[in-house]
Amino acid sequence: MATVEDVDRLALALPEVEPTTSYAAPAWSVRRRVFAWVRRFSAADLRRLEGCRVPPDPILALRVDGLDDKAALLQEAPAGLFTIEHLEGHPIVLVELAAVGSQRLAELVEDAWLARAPAPLVRHWRER
């Protein structure tokens, strides 16, 4: 079971990542571009999810590299990845931390960083 502390450790190990906040919750950015954040369900989200299984907190939101990547990730139907109505049309997936392993979380956080980091920084990081 992954934790917010695991996300923090993984994110901060990537180049130029800074911890920040989003709606008073932990978030991580690269050159002021947020790529991961803890997302709490709003009252409206909970109403829309009524009758469905609501994943337990904490939930992590991650940027992905476009809607095609989002669709591909969700089509794989991996444990712990999902979306909600509010995020339709946005390149963001949600991760139920309690349902993902450490290796999968590391891949997801790195991919989110790659989706938001400037191309020169990505090239430099890959050349290391």
N, C-alpha and C. Protein backbone atom coordinates (compact mmCIF):
# COMPACT_ATOMS: atom_id res chain seq x y z
N MET A 1 0.84 -1.18 0.00
CA MET A 1 0.00 0.00 0.00
C MET A 1 0.89 1.24 0.00
N ALA A 2 0.68 2.11 -0.98
CA ALA A 2 1.46 3.33 -1.11
C ALA A 2 0.88 4.43 -0.22
N THR A 3 1.72 5.39 0.11
CA THR A 3 1.32 6.50 0.97
C THR A 3 1.70 7.82 0.33
N VAL A 4 1.19 8.90 0.89
CA VAL A 4 1.57 10.24 0.42
C VAL A 4 3.06 10.45 0.66
N GLU A 5 3.60 9.89 1.71
CA GLU A 5 5.04 9.99 1.98
C GLU A 5 5.85 9.32 0.87
N ASP A 6 5.34 8.21 0.34
CA ASP A 6 6.00 7.55 -0.79
C ASP A 6 5.99 8.46 -2.01
N VAL A 7 4.86 9.09 -2.26
CA VAL A 7 4.76 10.01 -3.40
C VAL A 7 5.76 11.14 -3.22
N ASP A 8 5.84 11.69 -2.02
CA ASP A 8 6.76 12.79 -1.74
C ASP A 8 8.20 12.36 -2.02
N ARG A 9 8.58 11.20 -1.55
CA ARG A 9 9.94 10.70 -1.75
C ARG A 9 10.23 10.50 -3.24
N LEU A 10 9.31 9.88 -3.95
CA LEU A 10 9.50 9.63 -5.39
C LEU A 10 9.56 10.92 -6.19
N ALA A 11 8.65 11.84 -5.90
CA ALA A 11 8.60 13.09 -6.64
C ALA A 11 9.87 13.92 -6.40
N LEU A 12 10.27 14.03 -5.15
CA LEU A 12 11.43 14.86 -4.83
C LEU A 12 12.74 14.28 -5.33
N ALA A 13 12.74 13.01 -5.73
CA ALA A 13 13.94 12.40 -6.30
C ALA A 13 14.13 12.78 -7.77
N LEU A 14 13.11 13.38 -8.37
CA LEU A 14 13.18 13.80 -9.77
C LEU A 14 13.75 15.22 -9.86
N PRO A 15 14.39 15.57 -10.98
CA PRO A 15 15.03 16.87 -11.10
C PRO A 15 14.06 18.06 -10.98
N GLU A 16 14.50 19.03 -10.22
CA GLU A 16 13.85 20.33 -10.10
C GLU A 16 12.42 20.28 -9.57
N VAL A 17 12.10 19.26 -8.81
CA VAL A 17 10.77 19.15 -8.23
C VAL A 17 10.72 19.95 -6.93
N GLU A 18 9.64 20.68 -6.79
CA GLU A 18 9.41 21.44 -5.57
C GLU A 18 8.08 21.02 -4.96
N PRO A 19 8.07 20.84 -3.64
CA PRO A 19 6.79 20.57 -2.99
C PRO A 19 5.98 21.87 -2.95
N THR A 20 4.69 21.74 -3.10
CA THR A 20 3.80 22.89 -3.06
C THR A 20 2.46 22.41 -2.50
N THR A 21 1.42 23.19 -2.69
CA THR A 21 0.09 22.76 -2.28
C THR A 21 -0.91 23.08 -3.38
N SER A 22 -2.00 22.34 -3.34
CA SER A 22 -3.13 22.57 -4.23
C SER A 22 -4.38 22.40 -3.39
N TYR A 23 -5.14 23.46 -3.23
CA TYR A 23 -6.33 23.43 -2.37
C TYR A 23 -5.97 22.91 -0.97
N ALA A 24 -4.87 23.41 -0.44
CA ALA A 24 -4.38 23.09 0.91
C ALA A 24 -3.95 21.63 1.07
N ALA A 25 -3.73 20.94 -0.02
CA ALA A 25 -3.27 19.55 0.01
C ALA A 25 -1.88 19.47 -0.62
N PRO A 26 -1.09 18.47 -0.27
CA PRO A 26 0.25 18.34 -0.86
C PRO A 26 0.20 18.22 -2.38
N ALA A 27 1.18 18.84 -3.01
CA ALA A 27 1.32 18.79 -4.47
C ALA A 27 2.81 18.89 -4.81
N TRP A 28 3.15 18.54 -6.05
CA TRP A 28 4.53 18.58 -6.50
C TRP A 28 4.56 19.18 -7.89
N SER A 29 5.57 20.05 -8.11
CA SER A 29 5.67 20.72 -9.40
C SER A 29 7.11 20.70 -9.90
N VAL A 30 7.23 20.85 -11.20
CA VAL A 30 8.53 21.00 -11.85
C VAL A 30 8.45 22.31 -12.63
N ARG A 31 9.34 23.22 -12.27
CA ARG A 31 9.34 24.57 -12.86
C ARG A 31 7.94 25.18 -12.87
N ARG A 32 7.30 25.12 -11.73
CA ARG A 32 5.97 25.69 -11.47
C ARG A 32 4.83 25.01 -12.22
N ARG A 33 5.09 23.86 -12.77
CA ARG A 33 4.04 23.08 -13.43
C ARG A 33 3.69 21.90 -12.54
N VAL A 34 2.52 21.93 -11.98
CA VAL A 34 2.10 20.86 -11.08
C VAL A 34 1.87 19.59 -11.88
N PHE A 35 2.44 18.48 -11.39
CA PHE A 35 2.26 17.20 -12.07
C PHE A 35 1.61 16.14 -11.18
N ALA A 36 1.56 16.39 -9.88
CA ALA A 36 0.94 15.44 -8.96
C ALA A 36 0.39 16.19 -7.77
N TRP A 37 -0.77 15.77 -7.27
CA TRP A 37 -1.34 16.40 -6.10
C TRP A 37 -2.33 15.46 -5.43
N VAL A 38 -2.46 15.64 -4.13
CA VAL A 38 -3.46 14.88 -3.39
C VAL A 38 -4.79 15.55 -3.67
N ARG A 39 -5.77 14.75 -4.10
CA ARG A 39 -7.07 15.30 -4.47
C ARG A 39 -8.14 14.74 -3.55
N ARG A 40 -8.80 15.64 -2.91
CA ARG A 40 -9.92 15.24 -2.06
C ARG A 40 -11.20 15.35 -2.87
N PHE A 41 -12.15 14.46 -2.60
CA PHE A 41 -13.43 14.53 -3.30
C PHE A 41 -14.26 15.67 -2.72
N SER A 42 -14.82 16.46 -3.61
CA SER A 42 -15.72 17.54 -3.19
C SER A 42 -17.10 16.94 -2.90
N ALA A 43 -17.94 17.75 -2.32
CA ALA A 43 -19.32 17.31 -2.06
C ALA A 43 -20.00 16.95 -3.39
N ALA A 44 -19.74 17.74 -4.43
CA ALA A 44 -20.32 17.45 -5.75
C ALA A 44 -19.81 16.13 -6.30
N ASP A 45 -18.51 15.86 -6.12
CA ASP A 45 -17.95 14.57 -6.55
C ASP A 45 -18.67 13.43 -5.85
N LEU A 46 -18.84 13.56 -4.55
CA LEU A 46 -19.47 12.50 -3.76
C LEU A 46 -20.92 12.28 -4.17
N ARG A 47 -21.63 13.37 -4.53
CA ARG A 47 -23.00 13.20 -5.03
C ARG A 47 -23.00 12.43 -6.34
N ARG A 48 -22.07 12.75 -7.22
CA ARG A 48 -21.99 12.06 -8.51
C ARG A 48 -21.61 10.59 -8.33
N LEU A 49 -20.86 10.30 -7.28
CA LEU A 49 -20.41 8.93 -7.03
C LEU A 49 -21.39 8.13 -6.18
N GLU A 50 -22.50 8.75 -5.79
CA GLU A 50 -23.47 8.07 -4.94
C GLU A 50 -23.89 6.75 -5.58
N GLY A 51 -23.86 5.70 -4.79
CA GLY A 51 -24.21 4.38 -5.29
C GLY A 51 -23.02 3.62 -5.86
N CYS A 52 -21.90 4.30 -6.00
CA CYS A 52 -20.67 3.67 -6.50
C CYS A 52 -19.69 3.50 -5.35
N ARG A 53 -18.72 2.67 -5.55
CA ARG A 53 -17.66 2.52 -4.55
C ARG A 53 -16.80 3.78 -4.58
N VAL A 54 -16.67 4.43 -3.45
CA VAL A 54 -15.82 5.61 -3.34
C VAL A 54 -14.49 5.15 -2.75
N PRO A 55 -13.41 5.30 -3.52
CA PRO A 55 -12.11 4.87 -3.01
C PRO A 55 -11.73 5.66 -1.75
N PRO A 56 -11.05 5.00 -0.84
CA PRO A 56 -10.65 5.70 0.38
C PRO A 56 -9.53 6.70 0.13
N ASP A 57 -9.48 7.71 0.96
CA ASP A 57 -8.35 8.65 0.89
C ASP A 57 -7.09 7.94 1.35
N PRO A 58 -5.94 8.36 0.92
CA PRO A 58 -5.72 9.48 0.02
C PRO A 58 -5.80 9.06 -1.45
N ILE A 59 -6.23 10.01 -2.25
CA ILE A 59 -6.29 9.86 -3.70
C ILE A 59 -5.25 10.80 -4.30
N LEU A 60 -4.49 10.31 -5.25
CA LEU A 60 -3.48 11.10 -5.92
C LEU A 60 -3.95 11.42 -7.33
N ALA A 61 -3.84 12.68 -7.73
CA ALA A 61 -4.13 13.07 -9.11
C ALA A 61 -2.79 13.23 -9.82
N LEU A 62 -2.72 12.72 -11.04
CA LEU A 62 -1.50 12.80 -11.82
C LEU A 62 -1.79 13.29 -13.23
N ARG A 63 -0.94 14.20 -13.70
CA ARG A 63 -1.04 14.61 -15.10
C ARG A 63 -0.52 13.49 -15.98
N VAL A 64 -1.12 13.35 -17.14
CA VAL A 64 -0.65 12.40 -18.15
C VAL A 64 -0.39 13.18 -19.42
N ASP A 65 0.26 12.54 -20.37
CA ASP A 65 0.67 13.22 -21.60
C ASP A 65 -0.44 13.18 -22.65
N GLY A 66 -1.58 13.76 -22.31
CA GLY A 66 -2.67 13.87 -23.26
C GLY A 66 -3.81 12.89 -23.00
N LEU A 67 -4.90 13.16 -23.68
CA LEU A 67 -6.10 12.34 -23.49
C LEU A 67 -5.96 10.93 -24.04
N ASP A 68 -5.15 10.76 -25.08
CA ASP A 68 -4.92 9.41 -25.60
C ASP A 68 -4.20 8.55 -24.57
N ASP A 69 -3.20 9.14 -23.90
CA ASP A 69 -2.49 8.41 -22.86
C ASP A 69 -3.43 8.09 -21.69
N LYS A 70 -4.29 9.03 -21.35
CA LYS A 70 -5.25 8.79 -20.28
C LYS A 70 -6.15 7.60 -20.64
N ALA A 71 -6.67 7.61 -21.86
CA ALA A 71 -7.56 6.53 -22.29
C ALA A 71 -6.83 5.19 -22.28
N ALA A 72 -5.58 5.18 -22.74
CA ALA A 72 -4.81 3.94 -22.77
C ALA A 72 -4.56 3.41 -21.36
N LEU A 73 -4.20 4.31 -20.45
CA LEU A 73 -3.98 3.89 -19.07
C LEU A 73 -5.23 3.30 -18.45
N LEU A 74 -6.34 3.98 -18.65
CA LEU A 74 -7.59 3.52 -18.05
C LEU A 74 -8.12 2.26 -18.72
N GLN A 75 -7.83 2.08 -20.01
CA GLN A 75 -8.30 0.89 -20.72
C GLN A 75 -7.58 -0.36 -20.23
N GLU A 76 -6.34 -0.19 -19.78
CA GLU A 76 -5.60 -1.32 -19.21
C GLU A 76 -6.30 -1.84 -17.96
N ALA A 77 -7.13 -1.00 -17.37
CA ALA A 77 -7.87 -1.31 -16.14
C ALA A 77 -6.95 -1.76 -15.00
N PRO A 78 -5.86 -1.04 -14.80
CA PRO A 78 -4.98 -1.43 -13.70
C PRO A 78 -5.62 -1.11 -12.35
N ALA A 79 -5.31 -1.91 -11.39
CA ALA A 79 -5.84 -1.68 -10.05
C ALA A 79 -5.42 -0.31 -9.56
N GLY A 80 -6.39 0.41 -9.03
CA GLY A 80 -6.10 1.69 -8.40
C GLY A 80 -6.21 2.91 -9.29
N LEU A 81 -6.27 2.77 -10.61
CA LEU A 81 -6.38 3.92 -11.50
C LEU A 81 -7.82 4.12 -11.92
N PHE A 82 -8.27 5.38 -11.92
CA PHE A 82 -9.63 5.67 -12.31
C PHE A 82 -9.76 7.15 -12.66
N THR A 83 -10.93 7.54 -13.05
CA THR A 83 -11.23 8.94 -13.31
C THR A 83 -12.64 9.21 -12.78
N ILE A 84 -13.01 10.47 -12.80
CA ILE A 84 -14.36 10.86 -12.40
C ILE A 84 -14.90 11.84 -13.43
N GLU A 85 -16.20 12.04 -13.40
CA GLU A 85 -16.87 12.92 -14.36
C GLU A 85 -16.21 14.30 -14.44
N HIS A 86 -15.87 14.85 -13.30
CA HIS A 86 -15.28 16.19 -13.24
C HIS A 86 -13.99 16.30 -14.07
N LEU A 87 -13.31 15.19 -14.28
CA LEU A 87 -12.03 15.21 -14.99
C LEU A 87 -12.14 14.82 -16.46
N GLU A 88 -13.37 14.62 -16.95
CA GLU A 88 -13.54 14.31 -18.37
C GLU A 88 -12.96 15.46 -19.20
N GLY A 89 -12.19 15.10 -20.22
CA GLY A 89 -11.59 16.11 -21.09
C GLY A 89 -10.31 16.71 -20.54
N HIS A 90 -9.84 16.21 -19.41
CA HIS A 90 -8.60 16.69 -18.81
C HIS A 90 -7.58 15.55 -18.75
N PRO A 91 -6.31 15.84 -19.08
CA PRO A 91 -5.29 14.78 -19.06
C PRO A 91 -4.81 14.48 -17.63
N ILE A 92 -5.72 13.94 -16.85
CA ILE A 92 -5.47 13.65 -15.44
C ILE A 92 -6.08 12.30 -15.10
N VAL A 93 -5.33 11.48 -14.38
CA VAL A 93 -5.87 10.24 -13.83
C VAL A 93 -5.78 10.31 -12.32
N LEU A 94 -6.63 9.54 -11.67
CA LEU A 94 -6.63 9.46 -10.22
C LEU A 94 -6.08 8.10 -9.81
N VAL A 95 -5.39 8.11 -8.69
CA VAL A 95 -4.76 6.88 -8.19
C VAL A 95 -5.19 6.66 -6.75
N GLU A 96 -5.78 5.52 -6.50
CA GLU A 96 -6.12 5.11 -5.14
C GLU A 96 -4.83 4.54 -4.54
N LEU A 97 -4.19 5.31 -3.69
CA LEU A 97 -2.89 4.91 -3.16
C LEU A 97 -2.93 3.56 -2.45
N ALA A 98 -4.04 3.27 -1.79
CA ALA A 98 -4.16 2.00 -1.07
C ALA A 98 -4.16 0.80 -2.00
N ALA A 99 -4.35 1.03 -3.30
CA ALA A 99 -4.49 -0.08 -4.25
C ALA A 99 -3.31 -0.25 -5.20
N VAL A 100 -2.28 0.59 -5.08
CA VAL A 100 -1.14 0.46 -5.98
C VAL A 100 0.12 0.09 -5.21
N GLY A 101 0.97 -0.64 -5.89
CA GLY A 101 2.24 -1.02 -5.30
C GLY A 101 3.29 0.04 -5.53
N SER A 102 4.41 -0.13 -4.87
CA SER A 102 5.46 0.89 -4.92
C SER A 102 6.08 1.02 -6.31
N GLN A 103 6.27 -0.09 -7.02
CA GLN A 103 6.86 -0.01 -8.36
C GLN A 103 5.93 0.71 -9.33
N ARG A 104 4.66 0.37 -9.29
CA ARG A 104 3.68 1.03 -10.18
C ARG A 104 3.58 2.50 -9.84
N LEU A 105 3.56 2.85 -8.57
CA LEU A 105 3.51 4.25 -8.17
C LEU A 105 4.72 5.00 -8.70
N ALA A 106 5.90 4.41 -8.60
CA ALA A 106 7.11 5.06 -9.10
C ALA A 106 7.00 5.35 -10.59
N GLU A 107 6.48 4.39 -11.36
CA GLU A 107 6.29 4.59 -12.80
C GLU A 107 5.30 5.72 -13.08
N LEU A 108 4.21 5.73 -12.36
CA LEU A 108 3.18 6.74 -12.57
C LEU A 108 3.67 8.14 -12.23
N VAL A 109 4.39 8.28 -11.13
CA VAL A 109 4.91 9.59 -10.74
C VAL A 109 5.94 10.07 -11.76
N GLU A 110 6.82 9.18 -12.19
CA GLU A 110 7.81 9.56 -13.20
C GLU A 110 7.14 9.97 -14.50
N ASP A 111 6.14 9.22 -14.94
CA ASP A 111 5.42 9.57 -16.17
C ASP A 111 4.73 10.92 -16.04
N ALA A 112 4.18 11.22 -14.88
CA ALA A 112 3.54 12.52 -14.66
C ALA A 112 4.57 13.63 -14.75
N TRP A 113 5.74 13.40 -14.15
CA TRP A 113 6.82 14.39 -14.23
C TRP A 113 7.22 14.60 -15.69
N LEU A 114 7.37 13.51 -16.44
CA LEU A 114 7.75 13.61 -17.85
C LEU A 114 6.70 14.39 -18.65
N ALA A 115 5.44 14.27 -18.28
CA ALA A 115 4.37 14.97 -18.99
C ALA A 115 4.41 16.47 -18.77
N ARG A 116 5.01 16.93 -17.68
CA ARG A 116 5.01 18.36 -17.34
C ARG A 116 6.37 19.03 -17.40
N ALA A 117 7.45 18.27 -17.32
CA ALA A 117 8.78 18.87 -17.33
C ALA A 117 9.11 19.41 -18.72
N PRO A 118 9.82 20.52 -18.78
CA PRO A 118 10.23 21.07 -20.08
C PRO A 118 11.14 20.08 -20.83
N ALA A 119 11.02 20.05 -22.14
CA ALA A 119 11.76 19.10 -22.97
C ALA A 119 13.27 19.13 -22.72
N PRO A 120 13.91 20.31 -22.61
CA PRO A 120 15.36 20.30 -22.35
C PRO A 120 15.73 19.62 -21.03
N LEU A 121 14.92 19.81 -20.01
CA LEU A 121 15.18 19.17 -18.73
C LEU A 121 15.01 17.65 -18.84
N VAL A 122 14.00 17.21 -19.57
CA VAL A 122 13.79 15.77 -19.78
C VAL A 122 14.97 15.17 -20.53
N ARG A 123 15.43 15.85 -21.58
CA ARG A 123 16.57 15.35 -22.36
C ARG A 123 17.81 15.21 -21.48
N HIS A 124 18.08 16.26 -20.70
CA HIS A 124 19.24 16.24 -19.79
C HIS A 124 19.13 15.11 -18.79
N TRP A 125 17.95 14.90 -18.24
CA TRP A 125 17.74 13.85 -17.25
C TRP A 125 17.92 12.47 -17.87
N ARG A 126 17.45 12.29 -19.09
CA ARG A 126 17.58 10.98 -19.76
C ARG A 126 19.03 10.69 -20.16
N GLU A 127 19.81 11.72 -20.38
CA GLU A 127 21.21 11.54 -20.79
C GLU A 127 22.13 11.21 -19.63
N ARG A 128 21.64 11.34 -18.43
CA ARG A 128 22.49 11.14 -17.24
C ARG A 128 23.02 9.73 -17.15
